[in-house]
C-alpha atoms as a PDB file:
ATOM      1  CA  GLN A   1     230.015 -33.586   5.605  1.00  0.00           C
ATOM      2  CA  VAL A   2     228.873 -35.813   2.565  1.00  0.00           C
ATOM      3  CA  GLN A   3     225.272 -35.050   0.866  1.00  0.00           C
ATOM      4  CA  LEU A   4     223.468 -37.932  -0.962  1.00  0.00           C
ATOM      5  CA  VAL A   5     220.767 -37.481  -3.396  1.00  0.00           C
ATOM      6  CA  GLU A   6     218.672 -40.583  -4.453  1.00  0.00           C
ATOM      7  CA  SER A   7     216.311 -40.519  -7.598  1.00  0.00           C
ATOM      8  CA  GLY A   8     214.178 -43.516  -9.346  1.00  0.00           C
ATOM      9  CA  GLY A   9     212.059 -44.968  -7.097  1.00  0.00           C
ATOM     10  CA  GLY A  10     208.316 -45.271  -7.992  1.00  0.00           C
ATOM     11  CA  LEU A  11     205.596 -48.119  -8.714  1.00  0.00           C
ATOM     12  CA  VAL A  12     206.288 -50.824 -10.651  1.00  0.00           C
ATOM     13  CA  GLN A  13     204.300 -54.111 -11.361  1.00  0.00           C
ATOM     14  CA  PRO A  14     205.952 -57.787 -10.082  1.00  0.00           C
ATOM     15  CA  GLY A  15     208.540 -58.617 -12.808  1.00  0.00           C
ATOM     16  CA  GLY A  16     209.337 -55.331 -13.777  1.00  0.00           C
ATOM     17  CA  SER A  17     212.581 -53.048 -13.647  1.00  0.00           C
ATOM     18  CA  LEU A  18     213.420 -49.705 -11.638  1.00  0.00           C
ATOM     19  CA  ARG A  19     216.689 -48.029 -11.703  1.00  0.00           C
ATOM     20  CA  LEU A  20     218.210 -46.140  -8.737  1.00  0.00           C
ATOM     21  CA  SER A  21     220.499 -43.443  -8.735  1.00  0.00           C
ATOM     22  CA  CYS A  22     222.524 -41.878  -5.830  1.00  0.00           C
ATOM     23  CA  ALA A  23     224.891 -38.830  -6.376  1.00  0.00           C
ATOM     24  CA  ALA A  24     227.371 -38.145  -3.662  1.00  0.00           C
ATOM     25  CA  SER A  25     229.030 -34.886  -3.185  1.00  0.00           C
ATOM     26  CA  GLY A  26     230.965 -32.896  -0.678  1.00  0.00           C
ATOM     27  CA  SER A  27     234.116 -34.333   1.343  1.00  0.00           C
ATOM     28  CA  ILE A  28     234.220 -37.737  -0.392  1.00  0.00           C
ATOM     29  CA  PHE A  29     237.566 -39.746   0.567  1.00  0.00           C
ATOM     30  CA  ARG A  30     238.980 -41.699  -2.344  1.00  0.00           C
ATOM     31  CA  ILE A  31     238.731 -45.036   0.048  1.00  0.00           C
ATOM     32  CA  ASN A  32     234.650 -45.438   0.504  1.00  0.00           C
ATOM     33  CA  ASN A  33     231.792 -47.937   0.143  1.00  0.00           C
ATOM     34  CA  LEU A  34     228.679 -46.640  -1.519  1.00  0.00           C
ATOM     35  CA  GLY A  35     225.583 -48.925  -1.176  1.00  0.00           C
ATOM     36  CA  TRP A  36     221.968 -49.268  -0.818  1.00  0.00           C
ATOM     37  CA  TYR A  37     220.027 -50.556   2.004  1.00  0.00           C
ATOM     38  CA  ARG A  38     216.077 -50.812   2.423  1.00  0.00           C
ATOM     39  CA  GLN A  39     213.571 -50.898   5.041  1.00  0.00           C
ATOM     40  CA  ALA A  40     210.008 -52.056   4.730  1.00  0.00           C
ATOM     41  CA  PRO A  41     207.385 -51.416   7.147  1.00  0.00           C
ATOM     42  CA  GLY A  42     207.799 -53.179  10.385  1.00  0.00           C
ATOM     43  CA  LYS A  43     211.249 -54.455   9.643  1.00  0.00           C
ATOM     44  CA  GLU A  44     214.727 -53.466  10.281  1.00  0.00           C
ATOM     45  CA  ARG A  45     216.698 -51.600   7.734  1.00  0.00           C
ATOM     46  CA  GLU A  46     218.778 -54.295   5.851  1.00  0.00           C
ATOM     47  CA  LEU A  47     221.807 -54.427   3.376  1.00  0.00           C
ATOM     48  CA  VAL A  48     220.750 -54.800  -0.167  1.00  0.00           C
ATOM     49  CA  ALA A  49     224.084 -54.133  -2.071  1.00  0.00           C
ATOM     50  CA  VAL A  50     227.524 -52.475  -1.721  1.00  0.00           C
ATOM     51  CA  ALA A  51     230.309 -51.405  -4.355  1.00  0.00           C
ATOM     52  CA  THR A  52     233.584 -50.462  -2.834  1.00  0.00           C
ATOM     53  CA  SER A  53     235.892 -47.674  -4.373  1.00  0.00           C
ATOM     54  CA  GLY A  54     238.405 -50.847  -4.959  1.00  0.00           C
ATOM     55  CA  GLY A  55     235.662 -52.681  -7.176  1.00  0.00           C
ATOM     56  CA  PHE A  56     234.406 -54.990  -4.886  1.00  0.00           C
ATOM     57  CA  LEU A  57     230.870 -55.822  -5.006  1.00  0.00           C
ATOM     58  CA  ASN A  58     228.382 -57.636  -2.331  1.00  0.00           C
ATOM     59  CA  TYR A  59     224.646 -58.539  -2.777  1.00  0.00           C
ATOM     60  CA  ALA A  60     222.131 -59.672  -0.086  1.00  0.00           C
ATOM     61  CA  ASP A  61     221.121 -63.124  -0.975  1.00  0.00           C
ATOM     62  CA  SER A  62     217.762 -62.236  -1.668  1.00  0.00           C
ATOM     63  CA  VAL A  63     218.692 -59.950  -4.543  1.00  0.00           C
ATOM     64  CA  LYS A  64     221.289 -61.914  -6.022  1.00  0.00           C
ATOM     65  CA  GLY A  65     220.797 -62.535  -9.750  1.00  0.00           C
ATOM     66  CA  ARG A  66     217.896 -59.884  -9.940  1.00  0.00           C
ATOM     67  CA  PHE A  67     219.521 -56.547  -8.667  1.00  0.00           C
ATOM     68  CA  THR A  68     222.994 -55.059  -9.849  1.00  0.00           C
ATOM     69  CA  ILE A  69     225.134 -52.491  -8.465  1.00  0.00           C
ATOM     70  CA  SER A  70     227.238 -50.192 -10.015  1.00  0.00           C
ATOM     71  CA  ARG A  71     229.191 -47.070  -9.540  1.00  0.00           C
ATOM     72  CA  ASP A  72     230.878 -44.091 -11.381  1.00  0.00           C
ATOM     73  CA  ASN A  73     233.828 -43.090  -9.184  1.00  0.00           C
ATOM     74  CA  GLY A  74     234.622 -39.982 -11.469  1.00  0.00           C
ATOM     75  CA  LYS A  75     230.938 -38.744 -10.858  1.00  0.00           C
ATOM     76  CA  ASN A  76     230.835 -40.459  -7.222  1.00  0.00           C
ATOM     77  CA  THR A  77     227.386 -41.791  -8.300  1.00  0.00           C
ATOM     78  CA  VAL A  78     226.032 -45.250  -7.520  1.00  0.00           C
ATOM     79  CA  PHE A  79     223.034 -47.188  -9.208  1.00  0.00           C
ATOM     80  CA  LEU A  80     220.966 -49.965  -8.628  1.00  0.00           C
ATOM     81  CA  GLN A  81     219.408 -51.784 -11.322  1.00  0.00           C
ATOM     82  CA  MET A  82     216.705 -53.782 -10.018  1.00  0.00           C
ATOM     83  CA  ASN A  83     214.918 -56.277 -12.326  1.00  0.00           C
ATOM     84  CA  SER A  84     212.479 -59.201 -11.666  1.00  0.00           C
ATOM     85  CA  LEU A  85     211.275 -57.211  -8.702  1.00  0.00           C
ATOM     86  CA  LYS A  86     208.959 -58.870  -6.252  1.00  0.00           C
ATOM     87  CA  PRO A  87     206.218 -57.412  -4.023  1.00  0.00           C
ATOM     88  CA  GLU A  88     208.738 -58.266  -1.164  1.00  0.00           C
ATOM     89  CA  ASP A  89     211.058 -55.868  -2.888  1.00  0.00           C
ATOM     90  CA  THR A  90     208.785 -52.928  -1.694  1.00  0.00           C
ATOM     91  CA  ALA A  91     210.378 -50.970   0.907  1.00  0.00           C
ATOM     92  CA  VAL A  92     211.991 -47.335   1.390  1.00  0.00           C
ATOM     93  CA  TYR A  93     215.765 -47.502  -0.285  1.00  0.00           C
ATOM     94  CA  TYR A  94     218.536 -45.413   1.244  1.00  0.00           C
ATOM     95  CA  CYS A  95     221.649 -44.650  -0.269  1.00  0.00           C
ATOM     96  CA  ASN A  96     224.665 -44.817   1.867  1.00  0.00           C
ATOM     97  CA  TYR A  97     228.212 -43.790   2.112  1.00  0.00           C
ATOM     98  CA  TYR A  98     230.770 -45.179   4.314  1.00  0.00           C
ATOM     99  CA  THR A  99     234.470 -44.576   4.648  1.00  0.00           C
ATOM    100  CA  PRO A 100     237.135 -46.075   7.324  1.00  0.00           C
ATOM    101  CA  ARG A 101     238.477 -42.715   7.410  1.00  0.00           C
ATOM    102  CA  ASN A 102     236.622 -41.199  11.032  1.00  0.00           C
ATOM    103  CA  ASN A 103     234.551 -44.046  10.640  1.00  0.00           C
ATOM    104  CA  GLU A 104     231.986 -41.729   8.613  1.00  0.00           C
ATOM    105  CA  ARG A 105     228.646 -42.901   7.517  1.00  0.00           C
ATOM    106  CA  TYR A 106     226.084 -40.753   5.779  1.00  0.00           C
ATOM    107  CA  TRP A 107     222.556 -41.680   4.786  1.00  0.00           C
ATOM    108  CA  GLY A 108     220.659 -40.525   1.481  1.00  0.00           C
ATOM    109  CA  GLN A 109     216.903 -39.214   2.421  1.00  0.00           C
ATOM    110  CA  GLY A 110     215.347 -42.503   1.025  1.00  0.00           C
ATOM    111  CA  THR A 111     213.376 -43.413  -2.131  1.00  0.00           C
ATOM    112  CA  GLN A 112     210.225 -45.590  -2.109  1.00  0.00           C
ATOM    113  CA  VAL A 113     210.022 -48.649  -4.209  1.00  0.00           C
ATOM    114  CA  THR A 114     206.735 -50.102  -4.366  1.00  0.00           C
ATOM    115  CA  VAL A 115     206.011 -53.322  -6.270  1.00  0.00           C
ATOM    116  CA  SER A 116     202.450 -54.295  -6.888  1.00  0.00           C
ATOM    117  CA  SER A 117     199.893 -54.926  -9.268  1.00  0.00           C
END
C-alpha cells in the first residue's frame, strides 16, 4: 500500500500562483511515476503533469509553460508549481503514484484549486 498526502490548494486570482505538494509513504518501489491529475465539475479526470523516477517529465498541452512539476526522490515528494493560473484551471487536483510492478496505482484525496476574481 502507498499513501499520498496532498497540500497547497486554495483560492487564487487569475494570473496568480499556487504550489501543490504530495508526500508518498508506504511500500514505494524505486521505479515509479509521481504525477498530478485534475477533475473539473462535469468533466473527466485528466493528466496535468507526471515525473518519472528516471527524470522524465510530461505535461498536458494546456499547462505547458505555466506549470512545473518536480520531485524529491529522497523524500518521495512531488511538487506542482502553478503560475499564470486561469479560471479554467479550477478543479480538484489529485496526486497519483504508479509503478509497473504489479501495475499498482494509488490516488491522493484531492485538493481544491479555485481560480477566480
